[in-house]
N, C-alpha and C. Protein backbone atom coordinates (compact mmCIF):
# COMPACT_ATOMS: atom_id res chain seq x y z
N MET A 1 0.85 -1.18 0.00
CA MET A 1 0.00 0.00 0.00
C MET A 1 0.89 1.24 0.00
N LYS A 2 0.61 2.16 -0.91
CA LYS A 2 1.33 3.42 -0.98
C LYS A 2 0.37 4.56 -0.69
N GLN A 3 0.84 5.52 0.08
CA GLN A 3 0.09 6.74 0.34
C GLN A 3 0.86 7.86 -0.35
N ILE A 4 0.24 8.47 -1.35
CA ILE A 4 0.91 9.48 -2.18
C ILE A 4 0.21 10.83 -1.99
N ARG A 5 0.99 11.84 -1.66
CA ARG A 5 0.44 13.18 -1.49
C ARG A 5 0.34 13.86 -2.85
N LEU A 6 -0.87 14.30 -3.19
CA LEU A 6 -1.07 15.07 -4.41
C LEU A 6 -0.96 16.54 -4.06
N GLN A 7 -0.25 17.29 -4.87
CA GLN A 7 -0.10 18.72 -4.60
C GLN A 7 -0.71 19.57 -5.71
N SER A 8 -1.40 18.89 -6.62
CA SER A 8 -2.02 19.59 -7.73
C SER A 8 -3.21 18.79 -8.24
N THR A 9 -4.19 19.47 -8.76
CA THR A 9 -5.32 18.79 -9.37
C THR A 9 -4.95 18.24 -10.75
N ASN A 10 -3.75 18.56 -11.23
CA ASN A 10 -3.28 18.06 -12.53
C ASN A 10 -2.68 16.67 -12.44
N ASN A 11 -2.58 16.11 -11.25
CA ASN A 11 -2.02 14.78 -11.06
C ASN A 11 -2.96 13.74 -11.67
N ASN A 12 -2.39 12.66 -12.21
CA ASN A 12 -3.18 11.60 -12.84
C ASN A 12 -4.20 10.98 -11.91
N TYR A 13 -3.89 10.87 -10.63
CA TYR A 13 -4.81 10.25 -9.68
C TYR A 13 -5.93 11.18 -9.22
N PHE A 14 -5.76 12.49 -9.40
CA PHE A 14 -6.73 13.42 -8.84
C PHE A 14 -8.13 13.21 -9.39
N SER A 15 -8.29 13.05 -10.68
CA SER A 15 -9.64 12.91 -11.25
C SER A 15 -10.34 11.68 -10.72
N GLN A 16 -9.62 10.59 -10.53
CA GLN A 16 -10.21 9.38 -9.94
C GLN A 16 -10.63 9.64 -8.49
N ALA A 17 -9.75 10.26 -7.73
CA ALA A 17 -10.05 10.56 -6.33
C ALA A 17 -11.23 11.53 -6.22
N TRP A 18 -11.29 12.50 -7.14
CA TRP A 18 -12.37 13.48 -7.10
C TRP A 18 -13.72 12.80 -7.38
N GLU A 19 -13.74 11.82 -8.27
CA GLU A 19 -14.98 11.07 -8.53
C GLU A 19 -15.43 10.32 -7.28
N ILE A 20 -14.50 9.71 -6.56
CA ILE A 20 -14.82 9.02 -5.32
C ILE A 20 -15.37 10.03 -4.31
N TYR A 21 -14.73 11.17 -4.22
CA TYR A 21 -15.14 12.24 -3.30
C TYR A 21 -16.59 12.67 -3.58
N LEU A 22 -16.89 12.93 -4.85
CA LEU A 22 -18.23 13.38 -5.22
C LEU A 22 -19.29 12.31 -4.92
N GLU A 23 -18.93 11.06 -5.11
CA GLU A 23 -19.86 9.96 -4.87
C GLU A 23 -20.04 9.69 -3.37
N ALA A 24 -18.98 9.86 -2.60
CA ALA A 24 -19.00 9.46 -1.19
C ALA A 24 -19.63 10.49 -0.25
N PHE A 25 -19.63 11.77 -0.64
CA PHE A 25 -20.09 12.81 0.28
C PHE A 25 -21.25 13.60 -0.33
N PRO A 26 -22.25 13.92 0.48
CA PRO A 26 -23.35 14.75 -0.02
C PRO A 26 -22.85 16.16 -0.29
N PRO A 27 -23.55 16.90 -1.15
CA PRO A 27 -23.10 18.24 -1.54
C PRO A 27 -22.77 19.17 -0.38
N GLU A 28 -23.53 19.09 0.70
CA GLU A 28 -23.30 20.00 1.83
C GLU A 28 -22.02 19.68 2.60
N GLU A 29 -21.41 18.52 2.34
CA GLU A 29 -20.17 18.15 3.02
C GLU A 29 -18.94 18.27 2.12
N ARG A 30 -19.13 18.73 0.89
CA ARG A 30 -18.03 18.81 -0.08
C ARG A 30 -17.49 20.21 -0.24
N LYS A 31 -16.23 20.27 -0.63
CA LYS A 31 -15.62 21.51 -1.10
C LYS A 31 -15.91 21.62 -2.60
N THR A 32 -15.89 22.83 -3.11
CA THR A 32 -15.96 22.99 -4.56
C THR A 32 -14.60 22.64 -5.15
N LEU A 33 -14.56 22.35 -6.42
CA LEU A 33 -13.29 22.05 -7.07
C LEU A 33 -12.34 23.24 -6.98
N ASP A 34 -12.86 24.44 -7.12
CA ASP A 34 -12.02 25.64 -7.02
C ASP A 34 -11.43 25.77 -5.61
N ALA A 35 -12.25 25.56 -4.59
CA ALA A 35 -11.77 25.64 -3.21
C ALA A 35 -10.72 24.55 -2.95
N GLN A 36 -10.97 23.35 -3.47
CA GLN A 36 -10.03 22.25 -3.28
C GLN A 36 -8.69 22.57 -3.96
N THR A 37 -8.75 23.11 -5.15
CA THR A 37 -7.53 23.47 -5.89
C THR A 37 -6.69 24.47 -5.10
N LYS A 38 -7.32 25.49 -4.55
CA LYS A 38 -6.61 26.49 -3.76
C LYS A 38 -6.05 25.90 -2.48
N LEU A 39 -6.82 25.03 -1.85
CA LEU A 39 -6.41 24.43 -0.58
C LEU A 39 -5.15 23.58 -0.73
N MET A 40 -4.97 22.98 -1.87
CA MET A 40 -3.83 22.10 -2.07
C MET A 40 -2.50 22.84 -2.05
N ASN A 41 -2.55 24.17 -2.11
CA ASN A 41 -1.33 24.98 -2.01
C ASN A 41 -0.92 25.23 -0.56
N ASN A 42 -1.77 24.89 0.38
CA ASN A 42 -1.48 25.10 1.79
C ASN A 42 -0.54 24.00 2.28
N PRO A 43 0.63 24.34 2.81
CA PRO A 43 1.60 23.31 3.23
C PRO A 43 1.12 22.43 4.39
N LEU A 44 0.11 22.87 5.14
CA LEU A 44 -0.40 22.07 6.25
C LEU A 44 -1.44 21.05 5.80
N TYR A 45 -1.94 21.22 4.58
CA TYR A 45 -3.00 20.37 4.07
C TYR A 45 -2.43 19.24 3.21
N HIS A 46 -2.98 18.05 3.38
CA HIS A 46 -2.52 16.89 2.62
C HIS A 46 -3.69 16.24 1.89
N TYR A 47 -3.54 16.06 0.60
CA TYR A 47 -4.51 15.33 -0.22
C TYR A 47 -3.80 14.05 -0.62
N ASP A 48 -3.98 13.02 0.19
CA ASP A 48 -3.26 11.76 -0.01
C ASP A 48 -4.16 10.71 -0.63
N VAL A 49 -3.67 10.09 -1.70
CA VAL A 49 -4.39 8.98 -2.30
C VAL A 49 -3.72 7.68 -1.86
N ILE A 50 -4.52 6.63 -1.79
CA ILE A 50 -4.03 5.33 -1.38
C ILE A 50 -4.03 4.42 -2.60
N ILE A 51 -2.86 3.87 -2.89
CA ILE A 51 -2.67 3.04 -4.08
C ILE A 51 -2.26 1.64 -3.64
N ILE A 52 -2.94 0.64 -4.18
CA ILE A 52 -2.56 -0.75 -3.96
C ILE A 52 -2.47 -1.41 -5.33
N GLU A 53 -1.31 -1.97 -5.62
CA GLU A 53 -1.06 -2.63 -6.91
C GLU A 53 -1.46 -1.71 -8.07
N GLU A 54 -1.03 -0.47 -8.03
CA GLU A 54 -1.23 0.54 -9.07
C GLU A 54 -2.69 0.98 -9.23
N GLU A 55 -3.57 0.58 -8.30
CA GLU A 55 -4.98 0.99 -8.37
C GLU A 55 -5.30 1.92 -7.22
N LEU A 56 -6.01 3.00 -7.52
CA LEU A 56 -6.44 3.93 -6.49
C LEU A 56 -7.58 3.29 -5.69
N ILE A 57 -7.35 3.13 -4.40
CA ILE A 57 -8.31 2.49 -3.51
C ILE A 57 -9.16 3.53 -2.78
N GLY A 58 -8.54 4.64 -2.43
CA GLY A 58 -9.25 5.68 -1.69
C GLY A 58 -8.36 6.87 -1.43
N PHE A 59 -8.78 7.71 -0.48
CA PHE A 59 -8.01 8.90 -0.15
C PHE A 59 -8.22 9.28 1.30
N VAL A 60 -7.27 10.07 1.80
CA VAL A 60 -7.35 10.68 3.13
C VAL A 60 -6.97 12.14 2.94
N LEU A 61 -7.89 13.04 3.28
CA LEU A 61 -7.64 14.48 3.19
C LEU A 61 -7.48 14.99 4.62
N TRP A 62 -6.29 15.52 4.93
CA TRP A 62 -6.00 15.82 6.33
C TRP A 62 -5.09 17.02 6.49
N TRP A 63 -5.10 17.53 7.73
CA TRP A 63 -4.31 18.69 8.13
C TRP A 63 -3.26 18.26 9.14
N ASP A 64 -2.05 18.76 8.97
CA ASP A 64 -0.97 18.53 9.93
C ASP A 64 -0.92 19.75 10.85
N LEU A 65 -1.67 19.68 11.94
CA LEU A 65 -1.76 20.80 12.88
C LEU A 65 -0.74 20.62 14.01
N ASP A 66 -0.59 21.63 14.85
CA ASP A 66 0.42 21.58 15.90
C ASP A 66 0.32 20.34 16.78
N SER A 67 -0.87 20.03 17.24
CA SER A 67 -0.99 18.94 18.21
C SER A 67 -1.68 17.68 17.69
N VAL A 68 -2.30 17.75 16.51
CA VAL A 68 -3.02 16.60 15.96
C VAL A 68 -2.89 16.53 14.45
N ARG A 69 -3.21 15.36 13.93
CA ARG A 69 -3.45 15.18 12.49
C ARG A 69 -4.97 15.12 12.36
N PHE A 70 -5.53 16.10 11.67
CA PHE A 70 -6.98 16.23 11.58
C PHE A 70 -7.46 15.75 10.21
N ILE A 71 -8.20 14.65 10.18
CA ILE A 71 -8.75 14.12 8.92
C ILE A 71 -10.11 14.75 8.70
N ASP A 72 -10.26 15.49 7.58
CA ASP A 72 -11.57 16.09 7.33
C ASP A 72 -12.38 15.32 6.29
N HIS A 73 -11.74 14.52 5.44
CA HIS A 73 -12.46 13.65 4.51
C HIS A 73 -11.65 12.37 4.31
N PHE A 74 -12.36 11.26 4.24
CA PHE A 74 -11.74 9.96 4.04
C PHE A 74 -12.77 9.08 3.32
N ALA A 75 -12.34 8.38 2.29
CA ALA A 75 -13.26 7.47 1.59
C ALA A 75 -12.48 6.43 0.81
N THR A 76 -13.14 5.32 0.58
CA THR A 76 -12.61 4.30 -0.32
C THR A 76 -13.53 4.25 -1.54
N ALA A 77 -12.99 3.78 -2.65
CA ALA A 77 -13.79 3.63 -3.87
C ALA A 77 -14.93 2.65 -3.58
N SER A 78 -16.09 2.92 -4.15
CA SER A 78 -17.27 2.10 -3.84
C SER A 78 -17.03 0.62 -4.11
N LYS A 79 -16.28 0.28 -5.15
CA LYS A 79 -16.06 -1.14 -5.44
C LYS A 79 -15.13 -1.82 -4.44
N HIS A 80 -14.48 -1.02 -3.59
CA HIS A 80 -13.57 -1.57 -2.58
C HIS A 80 -14.11 -1.46 -1.16
N ARG A 81 -15.34 -1.00 -1.01
CA ARG A 81 -15.92 -0.88 0.33
C ARG A 81 -16.32 -2.24 0.87
N ASN A 82 -16.33 -2.33 2.18
CA ASN A 82 -16.70 -3.56 2.90
C ASN A 82 -15.76 -4.72 2.63
N LYS A 83 -14.50 -4.38 2.33
CA LYS A 83 -13.48 -5.40 2.09
C LYS A 83 -12.30 -5.25 3.04
N GLY A 84 -12.42 -4.34 4.00
CA GLY A 84 -11.35 -4.14 4.97
C GLY A 84 -10.33 -3.08 4.60
N PHE A 85 -10.45 -2.49 3.41
CA PHE A 85 -9.46 -1.48 3.00
C PHE A 85 -9.54 -0.23 3.86
N GLY A 86 -10.74 0.23 4.19
CA GLY A 86 -10.88 1.43 5.01
C GLY A 86 -10.21 1.27 6.36
N LYS A 87 -10.45 0.15 6.99
CA LYS A 87 -9.82 -0.13 8.28
C LYS A 87 -8.31 -0.16 8.13
N MET A 88 -7.82 -0.82 7.09
CA MET A 88 -6.38 -0.91 6.87
C MET A 88 -5.77 0.47 6.63
N ILE A 89 -6.45 1.31 5.86
CA ILE A 89 -5.95 2.65 5.56
C ILE A 89 -5.87 3.48 6.85
N LEU A 90 -6.93 3.49 7.64
CA LEU A 90 -6.93 4.28 8.87
C LEU A 90 -5.93 3.76 9.88
N GLU A 91 -5.82 2.45 10.03
CA GLU A 91 -4.83 1.90 10.96
C GLU A 91 -3.41 2.25 10.52
N ASN A 92 -3.14 2.16 9.23
CA ASN A 92 -1.82 2.52 8.71
C ASN A 92 -1.54 4.00 8.91
N PHE A 93 -2.55 4.84 8.68
CA PHE A 93 -2.40 6.28 8.88
C PHE A 93 -2.03 6.57 10.34
N ALA A 94 -2.78 6.01 11.27
CA ALA A 94 -2.55 6.25 12.70
C ALA A 94 -1.18 5.71 13.13
N LYS A 95 -0.80 4.58 12.60
CA LYS A 95 0.48 3.95 12.97
C LYS A 95 1.67 4.78 12.49
N ASN A 96 1.52 5.46 11.37
CA ASN A 96 2.63 6.20 10.78
C ASN A 96 2.73 7.65 11.23
N HIS A 97 1.94 8.04 12.21
CA HIS A 97 1.98 9.42 12.70
C HIS A 97 2.10 9.40 14.21
N VAL A 98 3.02 10.20 14.73
CA VAL A 98 3.22 10.23 16.18
C VAL A 98 2.17 11.10 16.88
N LYS A 99 1.62 12.06 16.19
CA LYS A 99 0.59 12.92 16.78
C LYS A 99 -0.74 12.15 16.82
N PRO A 100 -1.60 12.49 17.78
CA PRO A 100 -2.94 11.89 17.78
C PRO A 100 -3.68 12.23 16.50
N VAL A 101 -4.58 11.34 16.10
CA VAL A 101 -5.38 11.54 14.89
C VAL A 101 -6.80 11.89 15.31
N LEU A 102 -7.30 12.99 14.77
CA LEU A 102 -8.66 13.44 15.02
C LEU A 102 -9.42 13.32 13.71
N LEU A 103 -10.55 12.65 13.74
CA LEU A 103 -11.34 12.42 12.54
C LEU A 103 -12.69 13.09 12.68
N GLU A 104 -13.02 13.97 11.76
CA GLU A 104 -14.31 14.65 11.80
C GLU A 104 -15.39 13.71 11.28
N VAL A 105 -16.51 13.65 12.00
CA VAL A 105 -17.66 12.86 11.56
C VAL A 105 -18.90 13.72 11.58
N GLU A 106 -19.92 13.27 10.87
CA GLU A 106 -21.18 13.99 10.84
C GLU A 106 -22.03 13.59 12.04
N PHE A 107 -23.09 14.34 12.30
CA PHE A 107 -24.01 14.00 13.37
C PHE A 107 -24.74 12.70 13.03
N PRO A 108 -25.10 11.91 14.02
CA PRO A 108 -25.76 10.61 13.76
C PRO A 108 -27.26 10.75 13.45
N TYR A 109 -27.58 11.54 12.44
CA TYR A 109 -28.98 11.79 12.10
C TYR A 109 -29.57 10.76 11.15
N SER A 110 -28.73 10.00 10.47
CA SER A 110 -29.24 9.02 9.51
C SER A 110 -28.55 7.68 9.74
N ASP A 111 -29.10 6.64 9.15
CA ASP A 111 -28.50 5.31 9.30
C ASP A 111 -27.09 5.25 8.73
N ILE A 112 -26.87 5.88 7.58
CA ILE A 112 -25.51 5.87 6.98
C ILE A 112 -24.53 6.60 7.89
N ASN A 113 -24.95 7.71 8.47
CA ASN A 113 -24.07 8.45 9.38
C ASN A 113 -23.75 7.61 10.61
N LYS A 114 -24.74 6.92 11.14
CA LYS A 114 -24.52 6.06 12.30
C LYS A 114 -23.56 4.93 11.96
N ARG A 115 -23.68 4.35 10.76
CA ARG A 115 -22.76 3.27 10.35
C ARG A 115 -21.34 3.80 10.20
N ARG A 116 -21.20 5.00 9.63
CA ARG A 116 -19.87 5.59 9.47
C ARG A 116 -19.21 5.81 10.84
N ILE A 117 -19.97 6.37 11.76
CA ILE A 117 -19.44 6.66 13.09
C ILE A 117 -19.02 5.35 13.76
N LYS A 118 -19.83 4.33 13.66
CA LYS A 118 -19.50 3.02 14.24
C LYS A 118 -18.20 2.49 13.63
N PHE A 119 -18.04 2.62 12.31
CA PHE A 119 -16.82 2.17 11.64
C PHE A 119 -15.61 2.91 12.19
N TYR A 120 -15.71 4.23 12.33
CA TYR A 120 -14.57 5.01 12.81
C TYR A 120 -14.21 4.67 14.25
N GLU A 121 -15.22 4.32 15.04
CA GLU A 121 -14.94 3.96 16.43
C GLU A 121 -14.10 2.68 16.48
């Protein structure tokens, strides 16, 4: 498993990751493409894609803050969900960072939100 930081929307993996992003999150939880493009210039922000055997499996979008690593978006490609990849990605992320990891979740207002929160726990 490789975790690759994208620093531009011109990267070959970005369009694939952006499709996953649009599919995985409702409009009210997404950044616009323009906002995302600008954000990638911030040195504290990381747009990391996860590659296994040359295939994009998912992504972790996170901030390297003073006291924590803050994950604001995380998703796996729909065809790879429920296969253990999400758990593996998050465990690998936490293992490779000495700072505590903080993951933002939505309120438990729907069944999907409740399932997501349970997964993150």
